[in-house]
Amino acid sequence: MKNIEEKILMADEEIRQLQNKRKKLISQQKQEERKKRDKRIYEKGAVFESIFTESKNLTKDEFYQLIISLIRKEEANLKILKIIESREEIETQNTEKEDEETKIEE
């Protein structure tokens, strides 16, 4: 009976360790996602400031007002979708080209 109780305790400890490992991995994943997001935001902000150099002196609210006045949201979203579709078409063409080249080599 004692042997079974020890196995149960060992199993409980293993479960606890795996739960801690899971929490750590989730935390690590979130941190990596935050870093990617931050990098993306910094890069895009830098591009904007390099084009509109005077925008460096704007407050957050003023910057937001400027962006709203420069674009029409629906038009911008349509343009974004077109850019993404174009990129996907190019990637599909490249994949097809690579597949054809692989077949030729075989």
PDB file of N, CA and C in Angstrom:
ATOM      1  N   MET A   1       0.820  -1.194   0.000  1.00  0.00           N
ATOM      2  CA  MET A   1       0.000   0.000   0.000  1.00  0.00           C
ATOM      3  C   MET A   1       0.866   1.261   0.000  1.00  0.00           C
ATOM      4  N   LYS A   2       1.970   1.227   0.748  1.00  0.00           N
ATOM      5  CA  LYS A   2       2.859   2.378   0.843  1.00  0.00           C
ATOM      6  C   LYS A   2       3.477   2.676  -0.519  1.00  0.00           C
ATOM      7  N   ASN A   3       3.787   1.659  -1.276  1.00  0.00           N
ATOM      8  CA  ASN A   3       4.380   1.821  -2.597  1.00  0.00           C
ATOM      9  C   ASN A   3       3.432   2.583  -3.527  1.00  0.00           C
ATOM     10  N   ILE A   4       2.166   2.282  -3.468  1.00  0.00           N
ATOM     11  CA  ILE A   4       1.175   2.964  -4.295  1.00  0.00           C
ATOM     12  C   ILE A   4       1.053   4.424  -3.873  1.00  0.00           C
ATOM     13  N   GLU A   5       1.057   4.695  -2.587  1.00  0.00           N
ATOM     14  CA  GLU A   5       0.979   6.068  -2.091  1.00  0.00           C
ATOM     15  C   GLU A   5       2.179   6.885  -2.545  1.00  0.00           C
ATOM     16  N   GLU A   6       3.358   6.261  -2.539  1.00  0.00           N
ATOM     17  CA  GLU A   6       4.560   6.949  -3.013  1.00  0.00           C
ATOM     18  C   GLU A   6       4.439   7.270  -4.496  1.00  0.00           C
ATOM     19  N   LYS A   7       3.903   6.333  -5.270  1.00  0.00           N
ATOM     20  CA  LYS A   7       3.724   6.559  -6.704  1.00  0.00           C
ATOM     21  C   LYS A   7       2.732   7.700  -6.944  1.00  0.00           C
ATOM     22  N   ILE A   8       1.694   7.749  -6.146  1.00  0.00           N
ATOM     23  CA  ILE A   8       0.712   8.837  -6.266  1.00  0.00           C
ATOM     24  C   ILE A   8       1.373  10.175  -5.968  1.00  0.00           C
ATOM     25  N   LEU A   9       2.174  10.223  -4.901  1.00  0.00           N
ATOM     26  CA  LEU A   9       2.872  11.463  -4.558  1.00  0.00           C
ATOM     27  C   LEU A   9       3.845  11.874  -5.668  1.00  0.00           C
ATOM     28  N   MET A  10       4.540  10.901  -6.219  1.00  0.00           N
ATOM     29  CA  MET A  10       5.473  11.183  -7.312  1.00  0.00           C
ATOM     30  C   MET A  10       4.716  11.700  -8.540  1.00  0.00           C
ATOM     31  N   ALA A  11       3.568  11.095  -8.821  1.00  0.00           N
ATOM     32  CA  ALA A  11       2.762  11.534  -9.958  1.00  0.00           C
ATOM     33  C   ALA A  11       2.250  12.957  -9.729  1.00  0.00           C
ATOM     34  N   ASP A  12       1.814  13.241  -8.512  1.00  0.00           N
ATOM     35  CA  ASP A  12       1.357  14.593  -8.181  1.00  0.00           C
ATOM     36  C   ASP A  12       2.477  15.611  -8.363  1.00  0.00           C
ATOM     37  N   GLU A  13       3.669  15.257  -7.935  1.00  0.00           N
ATOM     38  CA  GLU A  13       4.821  16.150  -8.084  1.00  0.00           C
ATOM     39  C   GLU A  13       5.138  16.365  -9.563  1.00  0.00           C
ATOM     40  N   GLU A  14       5.077  15.302 -10.338  1.00  0.00           N
ATOM     41  CA  GLU A  14       5.344  15.419 -11.779  1.00  0.00           C
ATOM     42  C   GLU A  14       4.296  16.315 -12.449  1.00  0.00           C
ATOM     43  N   ILE A  15       3.045  16.171 -12.047  1.00  0.00           N
ATOM     44  CA  ILE A  15       1.973  17.020 -12.580  1.00  0.00           C
ATOM     45  C   ILE A  15       2.255  18.478 -12.241  1.00  0.00           C
ATOM     46  N   ARG A  16       2.644  18.745 -10.986  1.00  0.00           N
ATOM     47  CA  ARG A  16       2.942  20.113 -10.559  1.00  0.00           C
ATOM     48  C   ARG A  16       4.092  20.701 -11.379  1.00  0.00           C
ATOM     49  N   GLN A  17       5.133  19.886 -11.597  1.00  0.00           N
ATOM     50  CA  GLN A  17       6.279  20.354 -12.374  1.00  0.00           C
ATOM     51  C   GLN A  17       5.887  20.651 -13.825  1.00  0.00           C
ATOM     52  N   LEU A  18       5.059  19.783 -14.399  1.00  0.00           N
ATOM     53  CA  LEU A  18       4.627  20.004 -15.775  1.00  0.00           C
ATOM     54  C   LEU A  18       3.735  21.236 -15.893  1.00  0.00           C
ATOM     55  N   GLN A  19       2.902  21.469 -14.886  1.00  0.00           N
ATOM     56  CA  GLN A  19       2.065  22.675 -14.889  1.00  0.00           C
ATOM     57  C   GLN A  19       2.924  23.930 -14.807  1.00  0.00           C
ATOM     58  N   ASN A  20       3.956  23.889 -13.982  1.00  0.00           N
ATOM     59  CA  ASN A  20       4.874  25.036 -13.883  1.00  0.00           C
ATOM     60  C   ASN A  20       5.615  25.249 -15.198  1.00  0.00           C
ATOM     61  N   LYS A  21       6.032  24.158 -15.818  1.00  0.00           N
ATOM     62  CA  LYS A  21       6.733  24.249 -17.103  1.00  0.00           C
ATOM     63  C   LYS A  21       5.803  24.850 -18.154  1.00  0.00           C
ATOM     64  N   ARG A  22       4.540  24.446 -18.146  1.00  0.00           N
ATOM     65  CA  ARG A  22       3.545  24.971 -19.083  1.00  0.00           C
ATOM     66  C   ARG A  22       3.373  26.477 -18.880  1.00  0.00           C
ATOM     67  N   LYS A  23       3.243  26.899 -17.620  1.00  0.00           N
ATOM     68  CA  LYS A  23       3.097  28.327 -17.321  1.00  0.00           C
ATOM     69  C   LYS A  23       4.307  29.117 -17.823  1.00  0.00           C
ATOM     70  N   LYS A  24       5.485  28.559 -17.624  1.00  0.00           N
ATOM     71  CA  LYS A  24       6.713  29.225 -18.050  1.00  0.00           C
ATOM     72  C   LYS A  24       6.760  29.352 -19.575  1.00  0.00           C
ATOM     73  N   LEU A  25       6.368  28.291 -20.276  1.00  0.00           N
ATOM     74  CA  LEU A  25       6.374  28.332 -21.739  1.00  0.00           C
ATOM     75  C   LEU A  25       5.347  29.325 -22.275  1.00  0.00           C
ATOM     76  N   ILE A  26       4.177  29.385 -21.652  1.00  0.00           N
ATOM     77  CA  ILE A  26       3.156  30.347 -22.066  1.00  0.00           C
ATOM     78  C   ILE A  26       3.666  31.767 -21.855  1.00  0.00           C
ATOM     79  N   SER A  27       4.305  32.005 -20.727  1.00  0.00           N
ATOM     80  CA  SER A  27       4.877  33.316 -20.440  1.00  0.00           C
ATOM     81  C   SER A  27       5.943  33.679 -21.474  1.00  0.00           C
ATOM     82  N   GLN A  28       6.775  32.723 -21.815  1.00  0.00           N
ATOM     83  CA  GLN A  28       7.828  32.940 -22.803  1.00  0.00           C
ATOM     84  C   GLN A  28       7.221  33.260 -24.168  1.00  0.00           C
ATOM     85  N   GLN A  29       6.167  32.540 -24.533  1.00  0.00           N
ATOM     86  CA  GLN A  29       5.493  32.784 -25.806  1.00  0.00           C
ATOM     87  C   GLN A  29       4.905  34.197 -25.853  1.00  0.00           C
ATOM     88  N   LYS A  30       4.266  34.621 -24.781  1.00  0.00           N
ATOM     89  CA  LYS A  30       3.683  35.962 -24.717  1.00  0.00           C
ATOM     90  C   LYS A  30       4.765  37.029 -24.819  1.00  0.00           C
ATOM     91  N   GLN A  31       5.892  36.787 -24.160  1.00  0.00           N
ATOM     92  CA  GLN A  31       6.995  37.745 -24.196  1.00  0.00           C
ATOM     93  C   GLN A  31       7.536  37.877 -25.621  1.00  0.00           C
ATOM     94  N   GLU A  32       7.677  36.763 -26.329  1.00  0.00           N
ATOM     95  CA  GLU A  32       8.159  36.807 -27.711  1.00  0.00           C
ATOM     96  C   GLU A  32       7.172  37.551 -28.607  1.00  0.00           C
ATOM     97  N   GLU A  33       5.879  37.324 -28.397  1.00  0.00           N
ATOM     98  CA  GLU A  33       4.861  38.026 -29.175  1.00  0.00           C
ATOM     99  C   GLU A  33       4.905  39.525 -28.900  1.00  0.00           C
ATOM    100  N   ARG A  34       5.115  39.909 -27.647  1.00  0.00           N
ATOM    101  CA  ARG A  34       5.230  41.330 -27.290  1.00  0.00           C
ATOM    102  C   ARG A  34       6.435  41.961 -27.973  1.00  0.00           C
ATOM    103  N   LYS A  35       7.557  41.241 -27.990  1.00  0.00           N
ATOM    104  CA  LYS A  35       8.764  41.771 -28.633  1.00  0.00           C
ATOM    105  C   LYS A  35       8.526  41.992 -30.120  1.00  0.00           C
ATOM    106  N   LYS A  36       7.874  41.036 -30.780  1.00  0.00           N
ATOM    107  CA  LYS A  36       7.583  41.183 -32.209  1.00  0.00           C
ATOM    108  C   LYS A  36       6.668  42.374 -32.454  1.00  0.00           C
ATOM    109  N   ARG A  37       5.645  42.515 -31.598  1.00  0.00           N
ATOM    110  CA  ARG A  37       4.704  43.628 -31.733  1.00  0.00           C
ATOM    111  C   ARG A  37       5.421  44.956 -31.521  1.00  0.00           C
ATOM    112  N   ASP A  38       6.236  45.038 -30.474  1.00  0.00           N
ATOM    113  CA  ASP A  38       6.976  46.268 -30.194  1.00  0.00           C
ATOM    114  C   ASP A  38       7.884  46.638 -31.358  1.00  0.00           C
ATOM    115  N   LYS A  39       8.584  45.653 -31.896  1.00  0.00           N
ATOM    116  CA  LYS A  39       9.494  45.904 -33.014  1.00  0.00           C
ATOM    117  C   LYS A  39       8.714  46.439 -34.213  1.00  0.00           C
ATOM    118  N   ARG A  40       7.571  45.818 -34.487  1.00  0.00           N
ATOM    119  CA  ARG A  40       6.729  46.244 -35.607  1.00  0.00           C
ATOM    120  C   ARG A  40       6.271  47.692 -35.413  1.00  0.00           C
ATOM    121  N   ILE A  41       5.824  48.008 -34.211  1.00  0.00           N
ATOM    122  CA  ILE A  41       5.338  49.361 -33.933  1.00  0.00           C
ATOM    123  C   ILE A  41       6.471  50.382 -34.046  1.00  0.00           C
ATOM    124  N   TYR A  42       7.637  50.050 -33.496  1.00  0.00           N
ATOM    125  CA  TYR A  42       8.777  50.970 -33.572  1.00  0.00           C
ATOM    126  C   TYR A  42       9.182  51.221 -35.020  1.00  0.00           C
ATOM    127  N   GLU A  43       9.241  50.148 -35.806  1.00  0.00           N
ATOM    128  CA  GLU A  43       9.665  50.292 -37.198  1.00  0.00           C
ATOM    129  C   GLU A  43       8.691  51.166 -37.981  1.00  0.00           C
ATOM    130  N   LYS A  44       7.393  50.917 -37.797  1.00  0.00           N
ATOM    131  CA  LYS A  44       6.400  51.691 -38.543  1.00  0.00           C
ATOM    132  C   LYS A  44       6.377  53.144 -38.075  1.00  0.00           C
ATOM    133  N   GLY A  45       6.539  53.361 -36.786  1.00  0.00           N
ATOM    134  CA  GLY A  45       6.607  54.728 -36.271  1.00  0.00           C
ATOM    135  C   GLY A  45       7.819  55.458 -36.821  1.00  0.00           C
ATOM    136  N   ALA A  46       8.921  54.750 -36.920  1.00  0.00           N
ATOM    137  CA  ALA A  46      10.148  55.356 -37.447  1.00  0.00           C
ATOM    138  C   ALA A  46       9.975  55.738 -38.913  1.00  0.00           C
ATOM    139  N   VAL A  47       9.307  54.887 -39.678  1.00  0.00           N
ATOM    140  CA  VAL A  47       9.054  55.199 -41.084  1.00  0.00           C
ATOM    141  C   VAL A  47       8.206  56.460 -41.185  1.00  0.00           C
ATOM    142  N   PHE A  48       7.155  56.518 -40.372  1.00  0.00           N
ATOM    143  CA  PHE A  48       6.281  57.689 -40.399  1.00  0.00           C
ATOM    144  C   PHE A  48       7.061  58.954 -40.067  1.00  0.00           C
ATOM    145  N   GLU A  49       7.853  58.914 -39.005  1.00  0.00           N
ATOM    146  CA  GLU A  49       8.625  60.095 -38.600  1.00  0.00           C
ATOM    147  C   GLU A  49       9.662  60.480 -39.641  1.00  0.00           C
ATOM    148  N   SER A  50      10.203  59.500 -40.358  1.00  0.00           N
ATOM    149  CA  SER A  50      11.190  59.842 -41.381  1.00  0.00           C
ATOM    150  C   SER A  50      10.535  60.542 -42.571  1.00  0.00           C
ATOM    151  N   ILE A  51       9.261  60.240 -42.812  1.00  0.00           N
ATOM    152  CA  ILE A  51       8.539  60.891 -43.905  1.00  0.00           C
ATOM    153  C   ILE A  51       7.986  62.238 -43.458  1.00  0.00           C
ATOM    154  N   PHE A  52       7.397  62.257 -42.268  1.00  0.00           N
ATOM    155  CA  PHE A  52       6.798  63.474 -41.715  1.00  0.00           C
ATOM    156  C   PHE A  52       7.623  63.916 -40.507  1.00  0.00           C
ATOM    157  N   THR A  53       8.749  64.546 -40.771  1.00  0.00           N
ATOM    158  CA  THR A  53       9.706  64.873 -39.708  1.00  0.00           C
ATOM    159  C   THR A  53       9.129  65.787 -38.633  1.00  0.00           C
ATOM    160  N   GLU A  54       8.224  66.668 -39.003  1.00  0.00           N
ATOM    161  CA  GLU A  54       7.635  67.584 -38.024  1.00  0.00           C
ATOM    162  C   GLU A  54       6.696  66.880 -37.052  1.00  0.00           C
ATOM    163  N   SER A  55       6.317  65.644 -37.354  1.00  0.00           N
ATOM    164  CA  SER A  55       5.381  64.917 -36.478  1.00  0.00           C
ATOM    165  C   SER A  55       6.019  64.542 -35.139  1.00  0.00           C
ATOM    166  N   LYS A  56       7.315  64.661 -35.032  1.00  0.00           N
ATOM    167  CA  LYS A  56       8.002  64.317 -33.780  1.00  0.00           C
ATOM    168  C   LYS A  56       7.514  65.172 -32.611  1.00  0.00           C
ATOM    169  N   ASN A  57       7.053  66.370 -32.921  1.00  0.00           N
ATOM    170  CA  ASN A  57       6.624  67.298 -31.877  1.00  0.00           C
ATOM    171  C   ASN A  57       5.155  67.162 -31.510  1.00  0.00           C
ATOM    172  N   LEU A  58       4.436  66.248 -32.149  1.00  0.00           N
ATOM    173  CA  LEU A  58       3.010  66.093 -31.873  1.00  0.00           C
ATOM    174  C   LEU A  58       2.777  65.242 -30.621  1.00  0.00           C
ATOM    175  N   THR A  59       1.695  65.581 -29.927  1.00  0.00           N
ATOM    176  CA  THR A  59       1.274  64.723 -28.813  1.00  0.00           C
ATOM    177  C   THR A  59       0.584  63.490 -29.391  1.00  0.00           C
ATOM    178  N   LYS A  60       0.288  62.545 -28.541  1.00  0.00           N
ATOM    179  CA  LYS A  60      -0.399  61.327 -28.984  1.00  0.00           C
ATOM    180  C   LYS A  60      -1.743  61.668 -29.626  1.00  0.00           C
ATOM    181  N   ASP A  61      -2.519  62.545 -28.990  1.00  0.00           N
ATOM    182  CA  ASP A  61      -3.823  62.939 -29.529  1.00  0.00           C
ATOM    183  C   ASP A  61      -3.684  63.683 -30.855  1.00  0.00           C
ATOM    184  N   GLU A  62      -2.714  64.555 -30.932  1.00  0.00           N
ATOM    185  CA  GLU A  62      -2.489  65.297 -32.176  1.00  0.00           C
ATOM    186  C   GLU A  62      -2.069  64.357 -33.302  1.00  0.00           C
ATOM    187  N   PHE A  63      -1.226  63.410 -32.958  1.00  0.00           N
ATOM    188  CA  PHE A  63      -0.785  62.412 -33.940  1.00  0.00           C
ATOM    189  C   PHE A  63      -1.985  61.621 -34.455  1.00  0.00           C
ATOM    190  N   TYR A  64      -2.846  61.194 -33.543  1.00  0.00           N
ATOM    191  CA  TYR A  64      -4.040  60.436 -33.911  1.00  0.00           C
ATOM    192  C   TYR A  64      -4.931  61.275 -34.831  1.00  0.00           C
ATOM    193  N   GLN A  65      -5.131  62.556 -34.493  1.00  0.00           N
ATOM    194  CA  GLN A  65      -5.937  63.442 -35.332  1.00  0.00           C
ATOM    195  C   GLN A  65      -5.335  63.566 -36.727  1.00  0.00           C
ATOM    196  N   LEU A  66      -4.017  63.665 -36.788  1.00  0.00           N
ATOM    197  CA  LEU A  66      -3.335  63.777 -38.075  1.00  0.00           C
ATOM    198  C   LEU A  66      -3.595  62.531 -38.926  1.00  0.00           C
ATOM    199  N   ILE A  67      -3.423  61.384 -38.333  1.00  0.00           N
ATOM    200  CA  ILE A  67      -3.619  60.137 -39.068  1.00  0.00           C
ATOM    201  C   ILE A  67      -5.056  60.055 -39.589  1.00  0.00           C
ATOM    202  N   ILE A  68      -6.009  60.358 -38.740  1.00  0.00           N
ATOM    203  CA  ILE A  68      -7.419  60.316 -39.145  1.00  0.00           C
ATOM    204  C   ILE A  68      -7.675  61.281 -40.301  1.00  0.00           C
ATOM    205  N   SER A  69      -7.059  62.458 -40.253  1.00  0.00           N
ATOM    206  CA  SER A  69      -7.294  63.441 -41.310  1.00  0.00           C
ATOM    207  C   SER A  69      -6.610  63.044 -42.621  1.00  0.00           C
ATOM    208  N   LEU A  70      -5.547  62.269 -42.547  1.00  0.00           N
ATOM    209  CA  LEU A  70      -4.806  61.891 -43.754  1.00  0.00           C
ATOM    210  C   LEU A  70      -5.442  60.730 -44.514  1.00  0.00           C
ATOM    211  N   ILE A  71      -6.132  59.876 -43.803  1.00  0.00           N
ATOM    212  CA  ILE A  71      -6.643  58.686 -44.477  1.00  0.00           C
ATOM    213  C   ILE A  71      -8.139  58.519 -44.243  1.00  0.00           C
ATOM    214  N   ARG A  72      -8.704  57.810 -45.164  1.00  0.00           N
ATOM    215  CA  ARG A  72     -10.061  57.319 -44.980  1.00  0.00           C
ATOM    216  C   ARG A  72      -9.906  55.849 -44.642  1.00  0.00           C
ATOM    217  N   LYS A  73     -10.406  55.487 -43.504  1.00  0.00           N
ATOM    218  CA  LYS A  73     -10.178  54.149 -42.955  1.00  0.00           C
ATOM    219  C   LYS A  73     -10.564  53.044 -43.934  1.00  0.00           C
ATOM    220  N   GLU A  74     -11.723  53.156 -44.546  1.00  0.00           N
ATOM    221  CA  GLU A  74     -12.179  52.109 -45.460  1.00  0.00           C
ATOM    222  C   GLU A  74     -11.252  51.982 -46.661  1.00  0.00           C
ATOM    223  N   GLU A  75     -10.837  53.116 -47.210  1.00  0.00           N
ATOM    224  CA  GLU A  75      -9.927  53.090 -48.353  1.00  0.00           C
ATOM    225  C   GLU A  75      -8.581  52.490 -47.951  1.00  0.00           C
ATOM    226  N   ALA A  76      -8.103  52.847 -46.780  1.00  0.00           N
ATOM    227  CA  ALA A  76      -6.821  52.316 -46.317  1.00  0.00           C
ATOM    228  C   ALA A  76      -6.907  50.810 -46.118  1.00  0.00           C
ATOM    229  N   ASN A  77      -8.003  50.350 -45.509  1.00  0.00           N
ATOM    230  CA  ASN A  77      -8.164  48.908 -45.302  1.00  0.00           C
ATOM    231  C   ASN A  77      -8.235  48.159 -46.626  1.00  0.00           C
ATOM    232  N   LEU A  78      -8.923  48.719 -47.626  1.00  0.00           N
ATOM    233  CA  LEU A  78      -8.975  48.083 -48.948  1.00  0.00           C
ATOM    234  C   LEU A  78      -7.582  48.017 -49.571  1.00  0.00           C
ATOM    235  N   LYS A  79      -6.814  49.100 -49.436  1.00  0.00           N
ATOM    236  CA  LYS A  79      -5.445  49.123 -49.976  1.00  0.00           C
ATOM    237  C   LYS A  79      -4.581  48.075 -49.276  1.00  0.00           C
ATOM    238  N   ILE A  80      -4.732  47.975 -47.960  1.00  0.00           N
ATOM    239  CA  ILE A  80      -3.977  46.976 -47.199  1.00  0.00           C
ATOM    240  C   ILE A  80      -4.308  45.575 -47.695  1.00  0.00           C
ATOM    241  N   LEU A  81      -5.595  45.298 -47.881  1.00  0.00           N
ATOM    242  CA  LEU A  81      -6.012  43.977 -48.367  1.00  0.00           C
ATOM    243  C   LEU A  81      -5.446  43.690 -49.756  1.00  0.00           C
ATOM    244  N   LYS A  82      -5.433  44.706 -50.629  1.00  0.00           N
ATOM    245  CA  LYS A  82      -4.865  44.523 -51.970  1.00  0.00           C
ATOM    246  C   LYS A  82      -3.370  44.218 -51.902  1.00  0.00           C
ATOM    247  N   ILE A  83      -2.669  44.906 -51.034  1.00  0.00           N
ATOM    248  CA  ILE A  83      -1.231  44.667 -50.867  1.00  0.00           C
ATOM    249  C   ILE A  83      -0.989  43.235 -50.392  1.00  0.00           C
ATOM    250  N   ILE A  84      -1.778  42.795 -49.424  1.00  0.00           N
ATOM    251  CA  ILE A  84      -1.623  41.440 -48.886  1.00  0.00           C
ATOM    252  C   ILE A  84      -1.946  40.401 -49.953  1.00  0.00           C
ATOM    253  N   GLU A  85      -3.025  40.626 -50.711  1.00  0.00           N
ATOM    254  CA  GLU A  85      -3.388  39.703 -51.787  1.00  0.00           C
ATOM    255  C   GLU A  85      -2.273  39.617 -52.820  1.00  0.00           C
ATOM    256  N   SER A  86      -1.701  40.761 -53.161  1.00  0.00           N
ATOM    257  CA  SER A  86      -0.611  40.798 -54.131  1.00  0.00           C
ATOM    258  C   SER A  86       0.587  40.002 -53.622  1.00  0.00           C
ATOM    259  N   ARG A  87       0.917  40.187 -52.339  1.00  0.00           N
ATOM    260  CA  ARG A  87       2.024  39.455 -51.745  1.00  0.00           C
ATOM    261  C   ARG A  87       1.758  37.953 -51.781  1.00  0.00           C
ATOM    262  N   GLU A  88       0.523  37.568 -51.451  1.00  0.00           N
ATOM    263  CA  GLU A  88       0.171  36.146 -51.437  1.00  0.00           C
ATOM    264  C   GLU A  88       0.249  35.554 -52.832  1.00  0.00           C
ATOM    265  N   GLU A  89      -0.158  36.319 -53.856  1.00  0.00           N
ATOM    266  CA  GLU A  89      -0.066  35.846 -55.232  1.00  0.00           C
ATOM    267  C   GLU A  89       1.389  35.620 -55.628  1.00  0.00           C
ATOM    268  N   ILE A  90       2.243  36.545 -55.254  1.00  0.00           N
ATOM    269  CA  ILE A  90       3.673  36.416 -55.567  1.00  0.00           C
ATOM    270  C   ILE A  90       4.253  35.193 -54.867  1.00  0.00           C
ATOM    271  N   GLU A  91       3.887  35.001 -53.595  1.00  0.00           N
ATOM    272  CA  GLU A  91       4.383  33.846 -52.852  1.00  0.00           C
ATOM    273  C   GLU A  91       3.896  32.545 -53.482  1.00  0.00           C
ATOM    274  N   THR A  92       2.646  32.511 -53.945  1.00  0.00           N
ATOM    275  CA  THR A  92       2.097  31.326 -54.604  1.00  0.00           C
ATOM    276  C   THR A  92       2.845  31.065 -55.903  1.00  0.00           C
ATOM    277  N   GLN A  93       3.096  32.107 -56.678  1.00  0.00           N
ATOM    278  CA  GLN A  93       3.841  31.951 -57.927  1.00  0.00           C
ATOM    279  C   GLN A  93       5.245  31.430 -57.661  1.00  0.00           C
ATOM    280  N   ASN A  94       5.896  31.965 -56.639  1.00  0.00           N
ATOM    281  CA  ASN A  94       7.245  31.504 -56.298  1.00  0.00           C
ATOM    282  C   ASN A  94       7.235  30.042 -55.877  1.00  0.00           C
ATOM    283  N   THR A  95       6.236  29.647 -55.108  1.00  0.00           N
ATOM    284  CA  THR A  95       6.120  28.255 -54.674  1.00  0.00           C
ATOM    285  C   THR A  95       5.907  27.348 -55.871  1.00  0.00           C
ATOM    286  N   GLU A  96       5.029  27.765 -56.792  1.00  0.00           N
ATOM    287  CA  GLU A  96       4.778  26.969 -57.993  1.00  0.00           C
ATOM    288  C   GLU A  96       6.043  26.851 -58.838  1.00  0.00           C
ATOM    289  N   LYS A  97       6.788  27.946 -58.945  1.00  0.00           N
ATOM    290  CA  LYS A  97       8.026  27.944 -59.715  1.00  0.00           C
ATOM    291  C   LYS A  97       9.038  26.980 -59.085  1.00  0.00           C
ATOM    292  N   GLU A  98       9.143  27.014 -57.753  1.00  0.00           N
ATOM    293  CA  GLU A  98      10.051  26.110 -57.055  1.00  0.00           C
ATOM    294  C   GLU A  98       9.639  24.657 -57.261  1.00  0.00           C
ATOM    295  N   ASP A  99       8.332  24.401 -57.231  1.00  0.00           N
ATOM    296  CA  ASP A  99       7.834  23.036 -57.452  1.00  0.00           C
ATOM    297  C   ASP A  99       8.176  22.564 -58.860  1.00  0.00           C
ATOM    298  N   GLU A 100       8.022  23.441 -59.851  1.00  0.00           N
ATOM    299  CA  GLU A 100       8.363  23.091 -61.222  1.00  0.00           C
ATOM    300  C   GLU A 100       9.851  22.795 -61.354  1.00  0.00           C
ATOM    301  N   GLU A 101      10.679  23.615 -60.710  1.00  0.00           N
ATOM    302  CA  GLU A 101      12.129  23.412 -60.771  1.00  0.00           C
ATOM    303  C   GLU A 101      12.515  22.095 -60.118  1.00  0.00           C
ATOM    304  N   THR A 102      11.845  21.755 -59.025  1.00  0.00           N
ATOM    305  CA  THR A 102      12.117  20.493 -58.337  1.00  0.00           C
ATOM    306  C   THR A 102      11.748  19.325 -59.239  1.00  0.00           C
ATOM    307  N   LYS A 103      10.615  19.415 -59.945  1.00  0.00           N
ATOM    308  CA  LYS A 103      10.193  18.345 -60.848  1.00  0.00           C
ATOM    309  C   LYS A 103      11.166  18.176 -61.993  1.00  0.00           C
ATOM    310  N   ILE A 104      11.678  19.287 -62.529  1.00  0.00           N
ATOM    311  CA  ILE A 104      12.637  19.230 -63.622  1.00  0.00           C
ATOM    312  C   ILE A 104      13.923  18.538 -63.182  1.00  0.00           C
ATOM    313  N   GLU A 105      14.371  18.829 -61.967  1.00  0.00           N
ATOM    314  CA  GLU A 105      15.603  18.237 -61.443  1.00  0.00           C
ATOM    315  C   GLU A 105      15.458  16.742 -61.219  1.00  0.00           C
ATOM    316  N   GLU A 106      14.253  16.292 -60.935  1.00  0.00           N
ATOM    317  CA  GLU A 106      14.035  14.865 -60.665  1.00  0.00           C
ATOM    318  C   GLU A 106      14.106  14.142 -61.954  1.00  0.00           C
TER     319      GLU A 106
END
